[in-house]
Amino acid sequence: MTVHTFSSRDFTRDVSAAKRAAVNGPVFITDRGRPAFALIKIEDYYRMMGHSEPSLLELMDGIDGGDGIDFEPPRLNFTSRSAALT
């Protein structure tokens, strides 16, 4: 794991470089020479917090305004068949 450091000015100028650096380890963003923020991959954050990455259903459940909506999707009726490879 590599730790990278970006000044606030360098971070602002090239956010993409900081994101690329965060793939290999945390990125510290300094303000007046002192660490002020840390940029990490979301997977590392979830691991540190002891949570798994949320499922799509969990994310959708967290969206406001969906209460009381009944949704019954229609059933698809289809028959699959083998592909003819020639």
PDB file of N, CA and C in Angstrom:
ATOM      1  N   MET A   1       0.845  -1.173   0.000  1.00  0.00           N
ATOM      2  CA  MET A   1       0.000   0.000   0.000  1.00  0.00           C
ATOM      3  C   MET A   1       0.890   1.234   0.000  1.00  0.00           C
ATOM      4  N   THR A   2       0.601   2.117  -0.929  1.00  0.00           N
ATOM      5  CA  THR A   2       1.355   3.350  -1.073  1.00  0.00           C
ATOM      6  C   THR A   2       0.501   4.519  -0.598  1.00  0.00           C
ATOM      7  N   VAL A   3       1.103   5.414   0.162  1.00  0.00           N
ATOM      8  CA  VAL A   3       0.399   6.616   0.613  1.00  0.00           C
ATOM      9  C   VAL A   3       0.894   7.782  -0.230  1.00  0.00           C
ATOM     10  N   HIS A   4      -0.050   8.507  -0.820  1.00  0.00           N
ATOM     11  CA  HIS A   4       0.283   9.688  -1.622  1.00  0.00           C
ATOM     12  C   HIS A   4      -0.202  10.929  -0.899  1.00  0.00           C
ATOM     13  N   THR A   5       0.452  12.046  -1.170  1.00  0.00           N
ATOM     14  CA  THR A   5       0.068  13.316  -0.573  1.00  0.00           C
ATOM     15  C   THR A   5      -0.074  14.351  -1.675  1.00  0.00           C
ATOM     16  N   PHE A   6      -1.186  15.067  -1.652  1.00  0.00           N
ATOM     17  CA  PHE A   6      -1.437  16.153  -2.588  1.00  0.00           C
ATOM     18  C   PHE A   6      -1.730  17.402  -1.777  1.00  0.00           C
ATOM     19  N   SER A   7      -1.186  18.518  -2.198  1.00  0.00           N
ATOM     20  CA  SER A   7      -1.589  19.781  -1.576  1.00  0.00           C
ATOM     21  C   SER A   7      -3.003  20.091  -2.062  1.00  0.00           C
ATOM     22  N   SER A   8      -3.698  20.949  -1.355  1.00  0.00           N
ATOM     23  CA  SER A   8      -5.048  21.340  -1.773  1.00  0.00           C
ATOM     24  C   SER A   8      -5.028  21.909  -3.185  1.00  0.00           C
ATOM     25  N   ARG A   9      -4.016  22.677  -3.483  1.00  0.00           N
ATOM     26  CA  ARG A   9      -3.896  23.292  -4.810  1.00  0.00           C
ATOM     27  C   ARG A   9      -3.696  22.228  -5.875  1.00  0.00           C
ATOM     28  N   ASP A  10      -2.785  21.271  -5.638  1.00  0.00           N
ATOM     29  CA  ASP A  10      -2.548  20.212  -6.617  1.00  0.00           C
ATOM     30  C   ASP A  10      -3.771  19.321  -6.791  1.00  0.00           C
ATOM     31  N   PHE A  11      -4.467  19.049  -5.685  1.00  0.00           N
ATOM     32  CA  PHE A  11      -5.680  18.251  -5.757  1.00  0.00           C
ATOM     33  C   PHE A  11      -6.731  18.941  -6.626  1.00  0.00           C
ATOM     34  N   THR A  12      -6.908  20.246  -6.419  1.00  0.00           N
ATOM     35  CA  THR A  12      -7.886  21.001  -7.191  1.00  0.00           C
ATOM     36  C   THR A  12      -7.531  21.023  -8.672  1.00  0.00           C
ATOM     37  N   ARG A  13      -6.259  21.126  -8.968  1.00  0.00           N
ATOM     38  CA  ARG A  13      -5.816  21.173 -10.367  1.00  0.00           C
ATOM     39  C   ARG A  13      -5.972  19.836 -11.079  1.00  0.00           C
ATOM     40  N   ASP A  14      -5.791  18.724 -10.342  1.00  0.00           N
ATOM     41  CA  ASP A  14      -5.806  17.417 -11.007  1.00  0.00           C
ATOM     42  C   ASP A  14      -6.459  16.360 -10.117  1.00  0.00           C
ATOM     43  N   VAL A  15      -7.768  16.440  -9.998  1.00  0.00           N
ATOM     44  CA  VAL A  15      -8.524  15.475  -9.191  1.00  0.00           C
ATOM     45  C   VAL A  15      -8.337  14.065  -9.743  1.00  0.00           C
ATOM     46  N   SER A  16      -8.267  13.940 -11.064  1.00  0.00           N
ATOM     47  CA  SER A  16      -8.105  12.613 -11.684  1.00  0.00           C
ATOM     48  C   SER A  16      -6.824  11.930 -11.239  1.00  0.00           C
ATOM     49  N   ALA A  17      -5.755  12.684 -11.092  1.00  0.00           N
ATOM     50  CA  ALA A  17      -4.490  12.102 -10.638  1.00  0.00           C
ATOM     51  C   ALA A  17      -4.630  11.583  -9.210  1.00  0.00           C
ATOM     52  N   ALA A  18      -5.344  12.312  -8.375  1.00  0.00           N
ATOM     53  CA  ALA A  18      -5.564  11.867  -6.994  1.00  0.00           C
ATOM     54  C   ALA A  18      -6.403  10.596  -6.974  1.00  0.00           C
ATOM     55  N   LYS A  19      -7.421  10.521  -7.827  1.00  0.00           N
ATOM     56  CA  LYS A  19      -8.253   9.316  -7.890  1.00  0.00           C
ATOM     57  C   LYS A  19      -7.437   8.126  -8.371  1.00  0.00           C
ATOM     58  N   ARG A  20      -6.575   8.335  -9.352  1.00  0.00           N
ATOM     59  CA  ARG A  20      -5.708   7.238  -9.819  1.00  0.00           C
ATOM     60  C   ARG A  20      -4.755   6.794  -8.716  1.00  0.00           C
ATOM     61  N   ALA A  21      -4.241   7.740  -7.950  1.00  0.00           N
ATOM     62  CA  ALA A  21      -3.320   7.407  -6.858  1.00  0.00           C
ATOM     63  C   ALA A  21      -4.042   6.644  -5.758  1.00  0.00           C
ATOM     64  N   ALA A  22      -5.322   6.930  -5.542  1.00  0.00           N
ATOM     65  CA  ALA A  22      -6.086   6.275  -4.474  1.00  0.00           C
ATOM     66  C   ALA A  22      -6.308   4.794  -4.752  1.00  0.00           C
ATOM     67  N   VAL A  23      -6.119   4.370  -5.982  1.00  0.00           N
ATOM     68  CA  VAL A  23      -6.246   2.944  -6.309  1.00  0.00           C
ATOM     69  C   VAL A  23      -5.190   2.138  -5.559  1.00  0.00           C
ATOM     70  N   ASN A  24      -4.022   2.727  -5.344  1.00  0.00           N
ATOM     71  CA  ASN A  24      -2.900   2.027  -4.699  1.00  0.00           C
ATOM     72  C   ASN A  24      -2.806   2.264  -3.204  1.00  0.00           C
ATOM     73  N   GLY A  25      -3.618   3.139  -2.659  1.00  0.00           N
ATOM     74  CA  GLY A  25      -3.566   3.427  -1.233  1.00  0.00           C
ATOM     75  C   GLY A  25      -4.178   4.778  -0.948  1.00  0.00           C
ATOM     76  N   PRO A  26      -4.240   5.155   0.320  1.00  0.00           N
ATOM     77  CA  PRO A  26      -4.882   6.426   0.671  1.00  0.00           C
ATOM     78  C   PRO A  26      -4.124   7.629   0.121  1.00  0.00           C
ATOM     79  N   VAL A  27      -4.876   8.674  -0.146  1.00  0.00           N
ATOM     80  CA  VAL A  27      -4.303   9.942  -0.600  1.00  0.00           C
ATOM     81  C   VAL A  27      -4.621  10.976   0.467  1.00  0.00           C
ATOM     82  N   PHE A  28      -3.596  11.594   1.002  1.00  0.00           N
ATOM     83  CA  PHE A  28      -3.786  12.662   1.971  1.00  0.00           C
ATOM     84  C   PHE A  28      -3.753  13.995   1.236  1.00  0.00           C
ATOM     85  N   ILE A  29      -4.727  14.832   1.532  1.00  0.00           N
ATOM     86  CA  ILE A  29      -4.808  16.155   0.942  1.00  0.00           C
ATOM     87  C   ILE A  29      -4.469  17.143   2.043  1.00  0.00           C
ATOM     88  N   THR A  30      -3.441  17.924   1.796  1.00  0.00           N
ATOM     89  CA  THR A  30      -2.948  18.821   2.842  1.00  0.00           C
ATOM     90  C   THR A  30      -3.484  20.235   2.655  1.00  0.00           C
ATOM     91  N   ASP A  31      -3.578  20.925   3.759  1.00  0.00           N
ATOM     92  CA  ASP A  31      -3.947  22.332   3.777  1.00  0.00           C
ATOM     93  C   ASP A  31      -2.888  23.035   4.605  1.00  0.00           C
ATOM     94  N   ARG A  32      -2.118  23.890   3.954  1.00  0.00           N
ATOM     95  CA  ARG A  32      -0.998  24.580   4.588  1.00  0.00           C
ATOM     96  C   ARG A  32       0.011  23.598   5.181  1.00  0.00           C
ATOM     97  N   GLY A  33       0.227  22.509   4.444  1.00  0.00           N
ATOM     98  CA  GLY A  33       1.250  21.545   4.840  1.00  0.00           C
ATOM     99  C   GLY A  33       0.803  20.495   5.839  1.00  0.00           C
ATOM    100  N   ARG A  34      -0.417  20.586   6.315  1.00  0.00           N
ATOM    101  CA  ARG A  34      -0.905  19.612   7.300  1.00  0.00           C
ATOM    102  C   ARG A  34      -2.018  18.771   6.684  1.00  0.00           C
ATOM    103  N   PRO A  35      -2.033  17.472   6.945  1.00  0.00           N
ATOM    104  CA  PRO A  35      -3.114  16.633   6.399  1.00  0.00           C
ATOM    105  C   PRO A  35      -4.478  17.139   6.876  1.00  0.00           C
ATOM    106  N   ALA A  36      -5.393  17.332   5.905  1.00  0.00           N
ATOM    107  CA  ALA A  36      -6.727  17.823   6.231  1.00  0.00           C
ATOM    108  C   ALA A  36      -7.815  16.841   5.823  1.00  0.00           C
ATOM    109  N   PHE A  37      -7.561  16.071   4.760  1.00  0.00           N
ATOM    110  CA  PHE A  37      -8.547  15.135   4.242  1.00  0.00           C
ATOM    111  C   PHE A  37      -7.834  13.881   3.757  1.00  0.00           C
ATOM    112  N   ALA A  38      -8.604  12.807   3.634  1.00  0.00           N
ATOM    113  CA  ALA A  38      -8.075  11.562   3.080  1.00  0.00           C
ATOM    114  C   ALA A  38      -9.029  11.066   2.009  1.00  0.00           C
ATOM    115  N   LEU A  39      -8.484  10.602   0.901  1.00  0.00           N
ATOM    116  CA  LEU A  39      -9.264  10.035  -0.188  1.00  0.00           C
ATOM    117  C   LEU A  39      -8.927   8.552  -0.262  1.00  0.00           C
ATOM    118  N   ILE A  40      -9.968   7.704  -0.164  1.00  0.00           N
ATOM    119  CA  ILE A  40      -9.760   6.257  -0.228  1.00  0.00           C
ATOM    120  C   ILE A  40     -10.794   5.639  -1.155  1.00  0.00           C
ATOM    121  N   LYS A  41     -10.532   4.423  -1.605  1.00  0.00           N
ATOM    122  CA  LYS A  41     -11.493   3.698  -2.429  1.00  0.00           C
ATOM    123  C   LYS A  41     -12.705   3.348  -1.572  1.00  0.00           C
ATOM    124  N   ILE A  42     -13.866   3.309  -2.198  1.00  0.00           N
ATOM    125  CA  ILE A  42     -15.093   3.017  -1.460  1.00  0.00           C
ATOM    126  C   ILE A  42     -15.047   1.621  -0.855  1.00  0.00           C
ATOM    127  N   GLU A  43     -14.414   0.675  -1.525  1.00  0.00           N
ATOM    128  CA  GLU A  43     -14.296  -0.682  -0.974  1.00  0.00           C
ATOM    129  C   GLU A  43     -13.501  -0.664   0.329  1.00  0.00           C
ATOM    130  N   ASP A  44     -12.453   0.156   0.374  1.00  0.00           N
ATOM    131  CA  ASP A  44     -11.658   0.271   1.599  1.00  0.00           C
ATOM    132  C   ASP A  44     -12.477   0.912   2.717  1.00  0.00           C
ATOM    133  N   TYR A  45     -13.294   1.896   2.360  1.00  0.00           N
ATOM    134  CA  TYR A  45     -14.149   2.533   3.354  1.00  0.00           C
ATOM    135  C   TYR A  45     -15.117   1.523   3.955  1.00  0.00           C
ATOM    136  N   TYR A  46     -15.795   0.753   3.094  1.00  0.00           N
ATOM    137  CA  TYR A  46     -16.750  -0.244   3.594  1.00  0.00           C
ATOM    138  C   TYR A  46     -16.041  -1.268   4.480  1.00  0.00           C
ATOM    139  N   ARG A  47     -14.847  -1.678   4.080  1.00  0.00           N
ATOM    140  CA  ARG A  47     -14.097  -2.650   4.884  1.00  0.00           C
ATOM    141  C   ARG A  47     -13.742  -2.053   6.244  1.00  0.00           C
ATOM    142  N   MET A  48     -13.321  -0.792   6.265  1.00  0.00           N
ATOM    143  CA  MET A  48     -12.963  -0.139   7.528  1.00  0.00           C
ATOM    144  C   MET A  48     -14.169   0.010   8.447  1.00  0.00           C
ATOM    145  N   MET A  49     -15.338   0.249   7.864  1.00  0.00           N
ATOM    146  CA  MET A  49     -16.556   0.445   8.642  1.00  0.00           C
ATOM    147  C   MET A  49     -17.213  -0.882   9.018  1.00  0.00           C
ATOM    148  N   GLY A  50     -16.686  -1.980   8.490  1.00  0.00           N
ATOM    149  CA  GLY A  50     -17.246  -3.285   8.798  1.00  0.00           C
ATOM    150  C   GLY A  50     -18.530  -3.574   8.052  1.00  0.00           C
ATOM    151  N   HIS A  51     -18.736  -2.879   6.936  1.00  0.00           N
ATOM    152  CA  HIS A  51     -19.931  -3.098   6.128  1.00  0.00           C
ATOM    153  C   HIS A  51     -19.531  -3.667   4.778  1.00  0.00           C
ATOM    154  N   SER A  52     -20.439  -4.433   4.217  1.00  0.00           N
ATOM    155  CA  SER A  52     -20.224  -4.859   2.843  1.00  0.00           C
ATOM    156  C   SER A  52     -20.783  -3.776   1.928  1.00  0.00           C
ATOM    157  N   GLU A  53     -20.402  -3.830   0.674  1.00  0.00           N
ATOM    158  CA  GLU A  53     -20.918  -2.869  -0.283  1.00  0.00           C
ATOM    159  C   GLU A  53     -22.428  -3.068  -0.393  1.00  0.00           C
ATOM    160  N   PRO A  54     -23.208  -1.987  -0.355  1.00  0.00           N
ATOM    161  CA  PRO A  54     -24.661  -2.154  -0.386  1.00  0.00           C
ATOM    162  C   PRO A  54     -25.136  -2.733  -1.716  1.00  0.00           C
ATOM    163  N   SER A  55     -26.178  -3.531  -1.639  1.00  0.00           N
ATOM    164  CA  SER A  55     -26.753  -4.102  -2.854  1.00  0.00           C
ATOM    165  C   SER A  55     -27.602  -3.035  -3.541  1.00  0.00           C
ATOM    166  N   LEU A  56     -27.978  -3.309  -4.784  1.00  0.00           N
ATOM    167  CA  LEU A  56     -28.831  -2.381  -5.516  1.00  0.00           C
ATOM    168  C   LEU A  56     -30.158  -2.189  -4.785  1.00  0.00           C
ATOM    169  N   LEU A  57     -30.689  -3.265  -4.239  1.00  0.00           N
ATOM    170  CA  LEU A  57     -31.955  -3.177  -3.510  1.00  0.00           C
ATOM    171  C   LEU A  57     -31.811  -2.265  -2.290  1.00  0.00           C
ATOM    172  N   GLU A  58     -30.713  -2.389  -1.561  1.00  0.00           N
ATOM    173  CA  GLU A  58     -30.494  -1.525  -0.395  1.00  0.00           C
ATOM    174  C   GLU A  58     -30.373  -0.064  -0.811  1.00  0.00           C
ATOM    175  N   LEU A  59     -29.678   0.195  -1.916  1.00  0.00           N
ATOM    176  CA  LEU A  59     -29.553   1.566  -2.400  1.00  0.00           C
ATOM    177  C   LEU A  59     -30.913   2.127  -2.805  1.00  0.00           C
ATOM    178  N   MET A  60     -31.707   1.313  -3.490  1.00  0.00           N
ATOM    179  CA  MET A  60     -33.023   1.781  -3.926  1.00  0.00           C
ATOM    180  C   MET A  60     -33.961   1.987  -2.746  1.00  0.00           C
ATOM    181  N   ASP A  61     -33.841   1.154  -1.713  1.00  0.00           N
ATOM    182  CA  ASP A  61     -34.660   1.336  -0.514  1.00  0.00           C
ATOM    183  C   ASP A  61     -34.346   2.657   0.186  1.00  0.00           C
ATOM    184  N   GLY A  62     -33.137   3.175  -0.008  1.00  0.00           N
ATOM    185  CA  GLY A  62     -32.735   4.417   0.633  1.00  0.00           C
ATOM    186  C   GLY A  62     -33.199   5.664  -0.087  1.00  0.00           C
ATOM    187  N   ILE A  63     -33.831   5.516  -1.261  1.00  0.00           N
ATOM    188  CA  ILE A  63     -34.302   6.670  -2.014  1.00  0.00           C
ATOM    189  C   ILE A  63     -35.630   7.146  -1.427  1.00  0.00           C
ATOM    190  N   ASP A  64     -35.711   8.438  -1.123  1.00  0.00           N
ATOM    191  CA  ASP A  64     -36.934   9.012  -0.562  1.00  0.00           C
ATOM    192  C   ASP A  64     -38.037   9.048  -1.606  1.00  0.00           C
ATOM    193  N   GLY A  65     -39.279   8.945  -1.156  1.00  0.00           N
ATOM    194  CA  GLY A  65     -40.426   9.118  -2.023  1.00  0.00           C
ATOM    195  C   GLY A  65     -40.976   7.843  -2.632  1.00  0.00           C
ATOM    196  N   GLY A  66     -40.457   6.703  -2.295  1.00  0.00           N
ATOM    197  CA  GLY A  66     -40.929   5.466  -2.881  1.00  0.00           C
ATOM    198  C   GLY A  66     -41.930   4.722  -2.029  1.00  0.00           C
ATOM    199  N   ASP A  67     -42.279   5.271  -0.892  1.00  0.00           N
ATOM    200  CA  ASP A  67     -43.210   4.587   0.011  1.00  0.00           C
ATOM    201  C   ASP A  67     -44.612   4.533  -0.590  1.00  0.00           C
ATOM    202  N   GLY A  68     -45.269   3.411  -0.426  1.00  0.00           N
ATOM    203  CA  GLY A  68     -46.646   3.275  -0.844  1.00  0.00           C
ATOM    204  C   GLY A  68     -46.856   2.992  -2.317  1.00  0.00           C
ATOM    205  N   ILE A  69     -45.790   2.767  -3.062  1.00  0.00           N
ATOM    206  CA  ILE A  69     -45.924   2.467  -4.480  1.00  0.00           C
ATOM    207  C   ILE A  69     -45.962   0.956  -4.653  1.00  0.00           C
ATOM    208  N   ASP A  70     -47.054   0.478  -5.230  1.00  0.00           N
ATOM    209  CA  ASP A  70     -47.159  -0.948  -5.527  1.00  0.00           C
ATOM    210  C   ASP A  70     -46.608  -1.184  -6.923  1.00  0.00           C
ATOM    211  N   PHE A  71     -45.750  -2.168  -7.020  1.00  0.00           N
ATOM    212  CA  PHE A  71     -45.143  -2.473  -8.315  1.00  0.00           C
ATOM    213  C   PHE A  71     -45.214  -3.966  -8.539  1.00  0.00           C
ATOM    214  N   GLU A  72     -45.972  -4.358  -9.530  1.00  0.00           N
ATOM    215  CA  GLU A  72     -46.097  -5.764  -9.905  1.00  0.00           C
ATOM    216  C   GLU A  72     -45.655  -5.892 -11.349  1.00  0.00           C
ATOM    217  N   PRO A  73     -44.387  -6.193 -11.583  1.00  0.00           N
ATOM    218  CA  PRO A  73     -43.928  -6.300 -12.976  1.00  0.00           C
ATOM    219  C   PRO A  73     -44.576  -7.497 -13.668  1.00  0.00           C
ATOM    220  N   PRO A  74     -44.864  -7.358 -14.960  1.00  0.00           N
ATOM    221  CA  PRO A  74     -45.460  -8.489 -15.675  1.00  0.00           C
ATOM    222  C   PRO A  74     -44.453  -9.625 -15.819  1.00  0.00           C
ATOM    223  N   ARG A  75     -44.946 -10.830 -15.818  1.00  0.00           N
ATOM    224  CA  ARG A  75     -44.094 -12.000 -15.996  1.00  0.00           C
ATOM    225  C   ARG A  75     -43.781 -12.150 -17.469  1.00  0.00           C
ATOM    226  N   LEU A  76     -42.555 -12.447 -17.790  1.00  0.00           N
ATOM    227  CA  LEU A  76     -42.164 -12.703 -19.169  1.00  0.00           C
ATOM    228  C   LEU A  76     -42.361 -14.173 -19.468  1.00  0.00           C
ATOM    229  N   ASN A  77     -43.030 -14.438 -20.543  1.00  0.00           N
ATOM    230  CA  ASN A  77     -43.228 -15.815 -20.974  1.00  0.00           C
ATOM    231  C   ASN A  77     -42.448 -16.028 -22.264  1.00  0.00           C
ATOM    232  N   PHE A  78     -41.329 -16.690 -22.143  1.00  0.00           N
ATOM    233  CA  PHE A  78     -40.546 -16.987 -23.325  1.00  0.00           C
ATOM    234  C   PHE A  78     -39.871 -18.337 -23.147  1.00  0.00           C
ATOM    235  N   THR A  79     -39.525 -18.904 -24.251  1.00  0.00           N
ATOM    236  CA  THR A  79     -38.854 -20.197 -24.245  1.00  0.00           C
ATOM    237  C   THR A  79     -37.471 -20.015 -24.861  1.00  0.00           C
ATOM    238  N   SER A  80     -36.469 -20.439 -24.172  1.00  0.00           N
ATOM    239  CA  SER A  80     -35.137 -20.345 -24.730  1.00  0.00           C
ATOM    240  C   SER A  80     -34.835 -21.575 -25.562  1.00  0.00           C
ATOM    241  N   ARG A  81     -33.955 -21.399 -26.504  1.00  0.00           N
ATOM    242  CA  ARG A  81     -33.561 -22.546 -27.339  1.00  0.00           C
ATOM    243  C   ARG A  81     -32.066 -22.470 -27.586  1.00  0.00           C
ATOM    244  N   SER A  82     -31.500 -23.564 -27.970  1.00  0.00           N
ATOM    245  CA  SER A  82     -30.065 -23.645 -28.214  1.00  0.00           C
ATOM    246  C   SER A  82     -29.704 -22.829 -29.450  1.00  0.00           C
ATOM    247  N   ALA A  83     -28.546 -22.241 -29.395  1.00  0.00           N
ATOM    248  CA  ALA A  83     -28.056 -21.484 -30.555  1.00  0.00           C
ATOM    249  C   ALA A  83     -27.427 -22.452 -31.538  1.00  0.00           C
ATOM    250  N   ALA A  84     -27.678 -22.218 -32.806  1.00  0.00           N
ATOM    251  CA  ALA A  84     -27.076 -23.041 -33.869  1.00  0.00           C
ATOM    252  C   ALA A  84     -25.774 -22.385 -34.304  1.00  0.00           C
ATOM    253  N   LEU A  85     -24.667 -22.980 -33.934  1.00  0.00           N
ATOM    254  CA  LEU A  85     -23.359 -22.437 -34.288  1.00  0.00           C
ATOM    255  C   LEU A  85     -22.843 -23.168 -35.528  1.00  0.00           C
ATOM    256  N   THR A  86     -22.680 -22.443 -36.598  1.00  0.00           N
ATOM    257  CA  THR A  86     -22.188 -23.082 -37.829  1.00  0.00           C
ATOM    258  C   THR A  86     -20.933 -22.408 -38.297  1.00  0.00           C
TER     259      THR A  86
END
